[in-house]
Amino acid sequence: MDSLYVGSPETVARKIAATVKALRLSRFQLKYSAGPLPHE
């Protein structure tokens, strides 16, 4: 099962917190990508 969390950092944090609370999770794994950003 996958979910997509999109929005500002505050919005995403609220969505994660709501999911953790609703599902009574003890762990939440997140993978993200900022795209192909240059090292500079």
Protein backbone atom coordinates (compact mmCIF):
# COMPACT_ATOMS: atom_id res chain seq x y z
CA MET A 1 0.00 0.00 0.00
CA ASP A 2 1.42 3.37 -1.00
CA SER A 3 0.40 6.93 -0.28
CA LEU A 4 1.40 10.23 -1.80
CA TYR A 5 1.83 13.24 0.48
CA VAL A 6 2.00 16.53 -1.42
CA GLY A 7 2.08 20.11 -0.18
CA SER A 8 4.05 22.46 2.00
CA PRO A 9 6.20 20.98 4.77
CA GLU A 10 3.50 21.93 7.29
CA THR A 11 0.76 20.27 5.23
CA VAL A 12 2.75 17.10 4.74
CA ALA A 13 3.61 16.96 8.46
CA ARG A 14 -0.09 17.28 9.34
CA LYS A 15 -1.01 14.50 6.89
CA ILE A 16 1.68 12.19 8.28
CA ALA A 17 0.62 12.89 11.87
CA ALA A 18 -3.03 12.22 11.02
CA THR A 19 -2.15 8.93 9.30
CA VAL A 20 0.03 7.79 12.20
CA LYS A 21 -2.75 8.60 14.67
CA ALA A 22 -5.58 7.07 12.62
CA LEU A 23 -3.73 3.82 11.95
CA ARG A 24 -2.08 3.71 15.40
CA LEU A 25 1.33 3.30 13.83
CA SER A 26 4.54 2.97 15.78
CA ARG A 27 6.67 3.50 12.67
CA PHE A 28 6.38 5.58 9.51
CA GLN A 29 8.82 5.12 6.65
CA LEU A 30 9.30 7.98 4.21
CA LYS A 31 11.25 8.12 0.98
CA TYR A 32 11.53 11.37 -0.89
CA SER A 33 13.31 12.86 -3.86
CA ALA A 34 14.18 16.46 -4.58
CA GLY A 35 14.87 15.64 -8.20
CA PRO A 36 18.18 15.97 -10.05
CA LEU A 37 19.61 18.93 -8.15
CA PRO A 38 23.22 19.97 -8.83
CA HIS A 39 25.66 19.70 -5.93
CA GLU A 40 26.29 23.44 -5.96
